[in-house]
Amino acid sequence: MRAIAIIAFAIIGCAHGIRDVSDCGKVQAADRRIECGACTLQNKAGGVLGTYEYRPDAADGQRCVRVD
């Protein structure tokens, strides 16, 4: 039962994009953590650059998406 809950949580957690640098630790591959950090770090500019979201399940080149 516990394993099912953990798997369900992992699926739900990956279903949405990541907007905060501190959440990049959830990304599995090390090279994608760096990519995630570079993408979400733009959000620290106070909205000047827009709001970006990292989507780990998207195809290469489409993971960092501007959402507004």
Protein backbone atom coordinates (compact mmCIF):
# COMPACT_ATOMS: atom_id res chain seq x y z
CA MET A 1 0.00 0.00 0.00
CA ARG A 2 2.82 2.37 0.86
CA ALA A 3 4.55 1.68 -2.46
CA ILE A 4 1.37 2.58 -4.35
CA ALA A 5 1.13 5.87 -2.47
CA ILE A 6 4.76 6.71 -3.25
CA ILE A 7 4.31 5.91 -6.95
CA ALA A 8 1.11 7.96 -7.12
CA PHE A 9 2.85 10.90 -5.45
CA ALA A 10 5.76 10.67 -7.90
CA ILE A 11 3.42 10.68 -10.88
CA ILE A 12 1.45 13.64 -9.56
CA GLY A 13 4.65 15.49 -8.68
CA CYS A 14 6.01 15.15 -12.20
CA ALA A 15 2.75 16.03 -13.92
CA HIS A 16 3.30 19.76 -13.52
CA GLY A 17 6.20 22.04 -14.26
CA ILE A 18 8.82 23.29 -11.84
CA ARG A 19 8.98 27.03 -11.21
CA ASP A 20 11.38 27.30 -8.27
CA VAL A 21 15.11 26.53 -8.32
CA SER A 22 14.89 24.70 -5.00
CA ASP A 23 12.51 22.15 -6.56
CA CYS A 24 15.04 21.11 -9.22
CA GLY A 25 16.29 18.40 -6.85
CA LYS A 26 13.20 16.40 -7.83
CA VAL A 27 14.57 15.97 -11.36
CA GLN A 28 16.25 12.57 -11.69
CA ALA A 29 19.17 13.09 -14.10
CA ALA A 30 22.04 15.35 -13.01
CA ASP A 31 22.35 17.09 -16.37
CA ARG A 32 18.63 17.89 -16.29
CA ARG A 33 19.00 19.38 -12.79
CA ILE A 34 21.45 21.89 -14.23
CA GLU A 35 19.06 22.60 -17.10
CA CYS A 36 16.21 23.01 -14.61
CA GLY A 37 18.24 25.42 -12.48
CA ALA A 38 19.19 27.55 -15.48
CA CYS A 39 15.56 27.69 -16.58
CA THR A 40 13.98 28.51 -13.23
CA LEU A 41 16.71 30.92 -12.15
CA GLN A 42 15.21 33.40 -14.62
CA ASN A 43 12.20 33.67 -12.29
CA LYS A 44 14.44 35.34 -9.67
CA ALA A 45 14.70 38.45 -11.90
CA GLY A 46 11.47 39.76 -10.39
CA GLY A 47 9.29 39.20 -13.44
CA VAL A 48 11.47 41.26 -15.77
CA LEU A 49 12.20 38.20 -17.92
CA GLY A 50 8.75 36.62 -17.45
CA THR A 51 7.87 33.44 -15.61
CA TYR A 52 9.48 30.22 -16.77
CA GLU A 53 8.55 26.65 -15.96
CA TYR A 54 10.72 23.57 -16.35
CA ARG A 55 8.84 20.52 -17.63
CA PRO A 56 11.01 17.44 -17.13
CA ASP A 57 8.75 15.14 -19.15
CA ALA A 58 8.82 17.30 -22.31
CA ALA A 59 11.06 16.66 -25.32
CA ASP A 60 14.59 18.06 -25.60
CA GLY A 61 14.52 21.76 -26.36
CA GLN A 62 10.97 22.12 -25.06
CA ARG A 63 11.51 21.68 -21.32
CA CYS A 64 11.98 25.35 -20.41
CA VAL A 65 8.73 27.13 -21.23
CA ARG A 66 7.70 30.73 -20.69
CA VAL A 67 4.24 30.63 -19.11
CA ASP A 68 3.42 34.36 -19.18
